[in-house]
């Protein structure tokens, strides 16, 4: 699945919905899958970091542009 990136658009949603959408997108995805979460809730930064620590995922990249936060996550197992 190299090169394939799921996009999870959670803009306009508040905690915990962005991370729940990310979890649902990764649930059926194979190991090595990438998912980019887009969110407007600033709390998503802490939520995604916690999600990755508690699940078999790694946070590869974060960013913010125009009030939209972006998180690139890889599913390890």
N, C-alpha and C. Protein backbone atom coordinates (compact mmCIF):
# COMPACT_ATOMS: atom_id res chain seq x y z
N UNK A 1 0.82 -1.19 0.00
CA UNK A 1 0.00 0.00 0.00
C UNK A 1 0.87 1.25 0.00
N UNK A 2 2.13 1.12 -0.27
CA UNK A 2 3.03 2.25 -0.27
C UNK A 2 2.54 3.32 -1.22
N UNK A 3 2.59 4.55 -0.77
CA UNK A 3 2.16 5.65 -1.60
C UNK A 3 0.68 5.98 -1.47
N UNK A 4 -0.10 5.09 -0.87
CA UNK A 4 -1.52 5.34 -0.70
C UNK A 4 -1.73 6.02 0.64
N UNK A 5 -2.51 7.07 0.61
CA UNK A 5 -2.77 7.84 1.82
C UNK A 5 -4.27 8.06 1.95
N UNK A 6 -4.83 7.59 3.05
CA UNK A 6 -6.24 7.85 3.35
C UNK A 6 -6.37 9.29 3.80
N UNK A 7 -7.45 9.95 3.44
CA UNK A 7 -7.70 11.29 3.96
C UNK A 7 -8.93 11.24 4.83
N UNK A 8 -8.77 11.73 6.05
CA UNK A 8 -9.87 11.78 7.01
C UNK A 8 -10.18 13.24 7.26
N UNK A 9 -11.29 13.69 6.72
CA UNK A 9 -11.68 15.10 6.84
C UNK A 9 -12.61 15.27 8.03
N UNK A 10 -12.07 15.84 9.10
CA UNK A 10 -12.85 16.07 10.32
C UNK A 10 -12.95 17.56 10.61
N UNK A 11 -12.82 18.37 9.58
CA UNK A 11 -12.93 19.82 9.77
C UNK A 11 -14.33 20.16 10.25
N UNK A 12 -14.40 21.04 11.25
CA UNK A 12 -15.68 21.47 11.80
C UNK A 12 -16.19 20.58 12.92
N UNK A 13 -15.51 19.46 13.18
CA UNK A 13 -15.92 18.55 14.25
C UNK A 13 -15.10 18.81 15.51
N UNK A 14 -15.72 18.61 16.65
CA UNK A 14 -15.04 18.83 17.93
C UNK A 14 -14.66 17.51 18.57
N UNK A 15 -13.72 17.58 19.50
CA UNK A 15 -13.24 16.43 20.27
C UNK A 15 -14.44 15.68 20.86
N UNK A 16 -14.46 14.37 20.75
CA UNK A 16 -13.43 13.45 20.29
C UNK A 16 -13.64 12.99 18.85
N UNK A 17 -14.54 13.61 18.11
CA UNK A 17 -14.89 13.11 16.79
C UNK A 17 -13.73 13.01 15.79
N UNK A 18 -12.81 13.98 15.73
CA UNK A 18 -11.71 13.81 14.76
C UNK A 18 -10.91 12.52 14.98
N UNK A 19 -10.58 12.22 16.23
CA UNK A 19 -9.79 11.02 16.50
C UNK A 19 -10.63 9.75 16.30
N UNK A 20 -11.92 9.82 16.56
CA UNK A 20 -12.79 8.67 16.30
C UNK A 20 -12.88 8.38 14.81
N UNK A 21 -12.92 9.43 14.00
CA UNK A 21 -12.93 9.24 12.53
C UNK A 21 -11.61 8.63 12.06
N UNK A 22 -10.51 9.08 12.65
CA UNK A 22 -9.20 8.53 12.31
C UNK A 22 -9.14 7.05 12.68
N UNK A 23 -9.61 6.70 13.87
CA UNK A 23 -9.61 5.30 14.31
C UNK A 23 -10.43 4.44 13.37
N UNK A 24 -11.59 4.92 12.95
CA UNK A 24 -12.45 4.15 12.05
C UNK A 24 -11.76 3.94 10.70
N UNK A 25 -11.09 4.97 10.20
CA UNK A 25 -10.41 4.86 8.90
C UNK A 25 -9.27 3.85 8.95
N UNK A 26 -8.57 3.78 10.08
CA UNK A 26 -7.42 2.89 10.19
C UNK A 26 -7.80 1.47 10.61
N UNK A 27 -8.98 1.29 11.14
CA UNK A 27 -9.39 -0.01 11.69
C UNK A 27 -9.21 -1.14 10.66
N UNK A 28 -9.70 -0.96 9.47
CA UNK A 28 -9.65 -2.02 8.45
C UNK A 28 -8.43 -1.91 7.55
N UNK A 29 -7.63 -0.88 7.73
CA UNK A 29 -6.47 -0.67 6.87
C UNK A 29 -5.33 -1.61 7.27
N UNK A 30 -4.57 -2.07 6.30
CA UNK A 30 -3.44 -2.95 6.63
C UNK A 30 -2.28 -2.17 7.26
N UNK A 31 -1.40 -2.90 7.93
CA UNK A 31 -0.20 -2.28 8.51
C UNK A 31 0.57 -1.55 7.42
N UNK A 32 1.12 -0.42 7.76
CA UNK A 32 1.85 0.39 6.80
C UNK A 32 1.00 1.46 6.13
N UNK A 33 -0.29 1.42 6.38
CA UNK A 33 -1.19 2.41 5.79
C UNK A 33 -0.94 3.79 6.39
N UNK A 34 -1.08 4.79 5.55
CA UNK A 34 -0.95 6.19 5.97
C UNK A 34 -2.33 6.82 5.99
N UNK A 35 -2.56 7.67 6.98
CA UNK A 35 -3.81 8.43 7.03
C UNK A 35 -3.47 9.86 7.38
N UNK A 36 -4.07 10.78 6.64
CA UNK A 36 -3.90 12.20 6.94
C UNK A 36 -5.23 12.70 7.50
N UNK A 37 -5.18 13.16 8.75
CA UNK A 37 -6.34 13.72 9.42
C UNK A 37 -6.31 15.24 9.27
N UNK A 38 -7.41 15.81 8.81
CA UNK A 38 -7.58 17.25 8.74
C UNK A 38 -8.62 17.65 9.78
N UNK A 39 -8.27 18.58 10.65
CA UNK A 39 -9.16 18.98 11.73
C UNK A 39 -9.03 20.47 12.00
N UNK A 40 -10.10 21.07 12.50
CA UNK A 40 -10.06 22.48 12.88
C UNK A 40 -10.08 22.66 14.39
N UNK A 41 -10.30 21.60 15.15
CA UNK A 41 -10.31 21.66 16.61
C UNK A 41 -8.87 21.59 17.12
N UNK A 42 -8.39 22.65 17.80
CA UNK A 42 -7.02 22.63 18.31
C UNK A 42 -6.75 21.46 19.26
N UNK A 43 -7.77 20.95 19.92
CA UNK A 43 -7.59 19.82 20.84
C UNK A 43 -7.17 18.55 20.10
N UNK A 44 -7.34 18.51 18.81
CA UNK A 44 -6.97 17.33 18.03
C UNK A 44 -5.48 17.00 18.17
N UNK A 45 -4.64 18.00 18.36
CA UNK A 45 -3.20 17.76 18.48
C UNK A 45 -2.90 16.82 19.64
N UNK A 46 -3.47 17.10 20.79
CA UNK A 46 -3.27 16.25 21.96
C UNK A 46 -3.95 14.90 21.77
N UNK A 47 -5.15 14.92 21.19
CA UNK A 47 -5.91 13.68 20.99
C UNK A 47 -5.18 12.72 20.05
N UNK A 48 -4.62 13.23 18.97
CA UNK A 48 -3.92 12.37 18.01
C UNK A 48 -2.64 11.81 18.63
N UNK A 49 -1.92 12.63 19.39
CA UNK A 49 -0.71 12.15 20.05
C UNK A 49 -1.04 11.02 21.03
N UNK A 50 -2.10 11.19 21.79
CA UNK A 50 -2.53 10.16 22.73
C UNK A 50 -2.97 8.91 21.99
N UNK A 51 -3.75 9.08 20.94
CA UNK A 51 -4.21 7.95 20.12
C UNK A 51 -3.02 7.12 19.63
N UNK A 52 -2.00 7.80 19.11
CA UNK A 52 -0.83 7.09 18.57
C UNK A 52 -0.06 6.36 19.67
N UNK A 53 0.04 6.95 20.85
CA UNK A 53 0.74 6.29 21.96
C UNK A 53 -0.01 5.03 22.41
N UNK A 54 -1.33 5.07 22.36
CA UNK A 54 -2.14 3.97 22.87
C UNK A 54 -2.45 2.90 21.82
N UNK A 55 -2.22 3.19 20.58
CA UNK A 55 -2.50 2.25 19.48
C UNK A 55 -1.20 1.93 18.76
N UNK A 56 -1.27 1.03 17.83
CA UNK A 56 -0.08 0.68 17.03
C UNK A 56 0.05 1.65 15.86
N UNK A 57 0.27 2.91 16.19
CA UNK A 57 0.40 3.96 15.18
C UNK A 57 1.53 4.90 15.56
N UNK A 58 2.04 5.59 14.55
CA UNK A 58 3.07 6.61 14.79
C UNK A 58 2.64 7.89 14.10
N UNK A 59 2.84 8.99 14.77
CA UNK A 59 2.56 10.31 14.22
C UNK A 59 3.82 10.76 13.48
N UNK A 60 3.73 10.86 12.15
CA UNK A 60 4.90 11.17 11.33
C UNK A 60 5.06 12.66 11.09
N UNK A 61 3.95 13.38 11.07
CA UNK A 61 4.02 14.78 10.65
C UNK A 61 2.81 15.53 11.17
N UNK A 62 3.02 16.77 11.58
CA UNK A 62 1.92 17.65 11.97
C UNK A 62 2.12 18.99 11.28
N UNK A 63 1.03 19.71 11.10
CA UNK A 63 1.13 21.03 10.50
C UNK A 63 -0.16 21.79 10.72
N UNK A 64 -0.10 23.07 10.42
CA UNK A 64 -1.27 23.93 10.54
C UNK A 64 -1.19 24.99 9.47
N UNK A 65 -2.30 25.22 8.80
CA UNK A 65 -2.37 26.26 7.79
C UNK A 65 -3.79 26.79 7.73
N UNK A 66 -3.94 28.07 7.97
CA UNK A 66 -5.25 28.70 7.88
C UNK A 66 -6.27 28.13 8.85
N UNK A 67 -5.81 27.71 10.02
CA UNK A 67 -6.72 27.17 11.02
C UNK A 67 -7.07 25.70 10.82
N UNK A 68 -6.44 25.05 9.84
CA UNK A 68 -6.66 23.62 9.62
C UNK A 68 -5.39 22.88 10.05
N UNK A 69 -5.58 21.96 10.98
CA UNK A 69 -4.48 21.15 11.49
C UNK A 69 -4.41 19.86 10.68
N UNK A 70 -3.18 19.44 10.37
CA UNK A 70 -2.97 18.24 9.56
C UNK A 70 -2.06 17.30 10.33
N UNK A 71 -2.44 16.02 10.36
CA UNK A 71 -1.67 15.00 11.06
C UNK A 71 -1.50 13.80 10.13
N UNK A 72 -0.26 13.39 9.92
CA UNK A 72 0.02 12.21 9.11
C UNK A 72 0.40 11.07 10.05
N UNK A 73 -0.40 9.99 9.99
CA UNK A 73 -0.26 8.86 10.89
C UNK A 73 -0.02 7.60 10.07
N UNK A 74 0.88 6.73 10.54
CA UNK A 74 1.09 5.43 9.90
C UNK A 74 0.65 4.36 10.89
N UNK A 75 -0.03 3.36 10.35
CA UNK A 75 -0.48 2.23 11.16
C UNK A 75 0.64 1.19 11.16
N UNK A 76 1.18 0.89 12.34
CA UNK A 76 2.29 -0.06 12.44
C UNK A 76 1.83 -1.51 12.40
N UNK A 77 0.76 -1.82 13.07
CA UNK A 77 0.30 -3.22 13.10
C UNK A 77 -1.21 -3.27 13.18
